[in-house]
């Protein structure tokens, strides 16, 4: 059995600089795809997660737990909570202006998250080595300083934009062709060194 990559940054990892064209502090980070179950406003039962760019290499995000997100009666499904953290941690890539994929996500569930509550997530990048970006997050109930309910740590790997475009449905590619600003977060001068 092969060893799973860690979410702990290795020695020598650096916190990357915020890209000069990253979303401005305090601004909402847009959805990467309107039908995304995590952040898309067009998905009828999705999380509709909203993320705000922080001052440094951090973001805050919120989502309302509805009846569509239940596992046990009245409680958020653990898999959907992991999805919310994957989405929030992934939004950090907008600060780098780099497309990336989740390589590893660790989620610790500390308290139940009831239906009707708002989960407040704070996430930050804690290191980068080449294409690997390490980040952590925590989720609190009903306010930014409410009870700690969930913690997560992640490893993302920066990939070429072709990774997404080669797997996208034709209708999405047609939309991008008509509205190229949808790919604006990708820095055309960003070099990928595999």
Protein backbone atom coordinates (compact mmCIF):
# COMPACT_ATOMS: atom_id res chain seq x y z
CA UNK A 1 0.00 0.00 0.00
CA UNK A 2 1.38 3.42 -0.92
CA UNK A 3 1.72 6.23 1.60
CA UNK A 4 -0.82 9.06 1.46
CA UNK A 5 0.66 12.57 1.13
CA UNK A 6 0.44 14.61 4.31
CA UNK A 7 -1.40 17.88 4.82
CA UNK A 8 1.46 19.16 7.02
CA UNK A 9 3.77 21.48 5.10
CA UNK A 10 7.31 20.06 4.87
CA UNK A 11 10.33 21.89 6.21
CA UNK A 12 11.19 24.75 3.89
CA UNK A 13 7.61 25.42 2.81
CA UNK A 14 6.91 29.12 2.36
CA UNK A 15 3.69 31.08 2.62
CA UNK A 16 3.27 32.36 -0.93
CA UNK A 17 2.77 36.01 -1.83
CA UNK A 18 -0.72 37.13 -2.70
CA UNK A 19 -1.05 37.60 -6.44
CA UNK A 20 -1.33 41.31 -7.40
CA UNK A 21 -4.57 40.56 -9.26
CA UNK A 22 -6.13 38.43 -6.52
CA UNK A 23 -9.63 39.46 -5.38
CA UNK A 24 -9.42 42.58 -3.20
CA UNK A 25 -9.66 42.11 0.57
CA UNK A 26 -13.30 42.20 1.61
CA UNK A 27 -14.61 41.27 -1.85
CA UNK A 28 -16.70 38.19 -2.59
CA UNK A 29 -14.83 35.45 -4.42
CA UNK A 30 -16.98 34.42 -7.38
CA UNK A 31 -18.20 30.94 -8.12
CA UNK A 32 -15.97 29.08 -10.57
CA UNK A 33 -19.07 27.43 -12.06
CA UNK A 34 -22.70 28.45 -11.51
CA UNK A 35 -23.85 24.82 -11.24
CA UNK A 36 -21.17 23.81 -8.71
CA UNK A 37 -22.84 22.00 -5.80
CA UNK A 38 -20.53 23.80 -3.34
CA UNK A 39 -20.58 27.44 -4.45
CA UNK A 40 -22.83 27.73 -7.50
CA UNK A 41 -25.83 29.97 -7.15
CA UNK A 42 -27.59 28.06 -9.97
CA UNK A 43 -27.57 24.68 -8.21
CA UNK A 44 -31.05 24.25 -6.69
CA UNK A 45 -30.00 22.26 -3.59
CA UNK A 46 -26.31 23.14 -3.31
CA UNK A 47 -24.49 24.70 -0.39
CA UNK A 48 -24.41 28.16 -2.01
CA UNK A 49 -21.21 28.80 -0.05
CA UNK A 50 -20.16 32.47 -0.07
CA UNK A 51 -16.48 33.33 0.37
CA UNK A 52 -14.84 36.67 1.12
CA UNK A 53 -11.17 37.42 0.46
CA UNK A 54 -9.16 38.27 3.57
CA UNK A 55 -6.27 40.69 3.98
CA UNK A 56 -3.52 38.07 3.56
CA UNK A 57 -3.56 34.50 2.32
CA UNK A 58 -6.93 33.82 3.95
CA UNK A 59 -10.65 33.79 3.28
CA UNK A 60 -13.85 33.52 5.27
CA UNK A 61 -16.91 31.66 4.05
CA UNK A 62 -20.44 30.85 5.19
CA UNK A 63 -23.22 28.49 4.29
CA UNK A 64 -26.68 27.87 5.69
CA UNK A 65 -27.41 24.22 6.50
CA UNK A 66 -30.81 23.39 5.00
CA UNK A 67 -33.02 20.31 4.85
CA UNK A 68 -31.17 19.44 1.61
CA UNK A 69 -27.92 18.94 3.55
CA UNK A 70 -29.10 16.43 6.19
CA UNK A 71 -27.51 13.12 7.05
CA UNK A 72 -29.08 12.15 10.36
CA UNK A 73 -32.44 13.87 10.88
CA UNK A 74 -31.86 17.55 11.57
CA UNK A 75 -28.05 17.39 11.26
CA UNK A 76 -25.68 18.22 8.43
CA UNK A 77 -24.28 15.20 6.59
CA UNK A 78 -20.56 14.74 7.32
CA UNK A 79 -19.76 14.35 3.63
CA UNK A 80 -21.45 17.66 2.86
CA UNK A 81 -19.47 19.33 5.64
CA UNK A 82 -16.30 17.95 4.04
CA UNK A 83 -17.51 19.37 0.73
CA UNK A 84 -18.00 22.80 2.34
CA UNK A 85 -14.44 22.72 3.61
CA UNK A 86 -13.09 21.53 0.27
CA UNK A 87 -14.91 24.42 -1.39
CA UNK A 88 -13.70 27.02 1.15
CA UNK A 89 -10.11 25.78 1.07
CA UNK A 90 -10.23 25.67 -2.73
CA UNK A 91 -11.28 29.34 -2.81
CA UNK A 92 -7.81 30.13 -1.45
CA UNK A 93 -6.43 29.36 -4.92
CA UNK A 94 -8.05 32.58 -6.14
CA UNK A 95 -5.49 34.41 -3.99
CA UNK A 96 -2.73 32.72 -6.01
CA UNK A 97 -4.63 33.00 -9.30
CA UNK A 98 -3.82 29.37 -9.96
CA UNK A 99 -6.09 26.44 -10.85
CA UNK A 100 -5.64 23.51 -8.48
CA UNK A 101 -7.12 20.17 -7.49
CA UNK A 102 -7.60 18.62 -4.08
CA UNK A 103 -4.94 15.99 -3.42
CA UNK A 104 -5.88 15.37 0.23
CA UNK A 105 -8.50 16.65 2.64
CA UNK A 106 -8.64 15.75 6.34
CA UNK A 107 -11.76 16.72 8.27
CA UNK A 108 -12.32 16.50 12.03
CA UNK A 109 -15.91 16.69 13.25
CA UNK A 110 -16.02 18.15 16.76
CA UNK A 111 -19.71 19.08 17.23
CA UNK A 112 -22.94 18.33 15.37
CA UNK A 113 -23.97 20.99 12.85
CA UNK A 114 -27.78 21.33 13.08
CA UNK A 115 -30.08 22.15 10.19
CA UNK A 116 -30.86 25.87 10.23
CA UNK A 117 -27.42 26.84 11.51
CA UNK A 118 -24.89 28.89 9.58
CA UNK A 119 -21.38 27.47 9.44
CA UNK A 120 -18.69 30.18 9.47
CA UNK A 121 -15.46 28.91 7.92
CA UNK A 122 -12.08 30.62 8.11
CA UNK A 123 -9.32 29.22 5.90
CA UNK A 124 -5.69 30.14 5.25
CA UNK A 125 -2.69 28.95 3.31
CA UNK A 126 0.05 27.68 5.62
CA UNK A 127 2.73 26.79 3.07
CA UNK A 128 3.66 26.10 -0.52
CA UNK A 129 6.38 24.00 -2.12
CA UNK A 130 6.45 24.13 -5.92
CA UNK A 131 2.95 23.08 -7.06
CA UNK A 132 1.82 21.84 -3.62
CA UNK A 133 -0.26 24.26 -1.53
CA UNK A 134 -1.05 23.45 2.12
CA UNK A 135 -4.00 25.02 3.93
CA UNK A 136 -6.07 24.75 7.12
CA UNK A 137 -9.59 25.79 8.09
CA UNK A 138 -12.02 25.79 10.95
CA UNK A 139 -15.80 26.06 11.06
CA UNK A 140 -17.81 27.69 13.83
CA UNK A 141 -21.53 27.58 14.50
CA UNK A 142 -23.71 30.64 13.86
CA UNK A 143 -20.96 33.29 14.18
CA UNK A 144 -17.28 33.79 13.46
CA UNK A 145 -16.52 33.29 17.16
CA UNK A 146 -19.17 30.64 17.85
CA UNK A 147 -18.47 27.08 19.04
CA UNK A 148 -15.82 25.24 17.02
CA UNK A 149 -17.60 22.44 15.13
CA UNK A 150 -15.27 21.30 12.33
CA UNK A 151 -11.54 21.54 11.50
CA UNK A 152 -9.84 20.64 8.23
CA UNK A 153 -6.40 20.48 6.65
CA UNK A 154 -5.68 20.10 2.96
CA UNK A 155 -3.13 19.65 0.24
CA UNK A 156 -3.89 21.14 -3.19
CA UNK A 157 -1.83 20.66 -6.33
CA UNK A 158 -1.65 23.41 -8.95
CA UNK A 159 -2.53 22.08 -12.41
CA UNK A 160 -2.77 23.53 -15.92
CA UNK A 161 -6.20 24.95 -16.78
CA UNK A 162 -6.43 22.28 -19.50
CA UNK A 163 -7.07 19.76 -16.70
CA UNK A 164 -10.51 21.34 -16.26
CA UNK A 165 -11.20 22.35 -19.85
CA UNK A 166 -10.47 18.88 -21.24
CA UNK A 167 -13.16 17.43 -18.97
CA UNK A 168 -15.77 20.20 -19.23
CA UNK A 169 -19.13 19.67 -20.97
CA UNK A 170 -19.55 21.37 -24.34
CA UNK A 171 -22.17 23.80 -22.96
CA UNK A 172 -19.69 25.07 -20.37
CA UNK A 173 -16.98 25.53 -22.99
CA UNK A 174 -19.50 27.42 -25.17
CA UNK A 175 -20.27 29.71 -22.23
CA UNK A 176 -16.56 30.36 -21.66
CA UNK A 177 -16.11 31.15 -25.35
CA UNK A 178 -18.85 33.80 -25.04
CA UNK A 179 -17.69 35.05 -21.61
CA UNK A 180 -13.90 34.64 -21.31
CA UNK A 181 -13.92 36.68 -18.08
CA UNK A 182 -15.11 33.49 -16.38
CA UNK A 183 -11.48 32.32 -16.61
CA UNK A 184 -10.08 35.67 -15.47
CA UNK A 185 -8.62 34.21 -12.26
CA UNK A 186 -6.09 32.18 -14.26
CA UNK A 187 -2.90 34.18 -14.70
CA UNK A 188 -1.79 33.57 -18.31
CA UNK A 189 1.84 34.08 -17.25
CA UNK A 190 1.66 31.57 -14.40
CA UNK A 191 4.15 28.80 -15.17
CA UNK A 192 3.39 25.22 -14.27
CA UNK A 193 6.57 23.27 -13.53
CA UNK A 194 5.57 19.65 -13.00
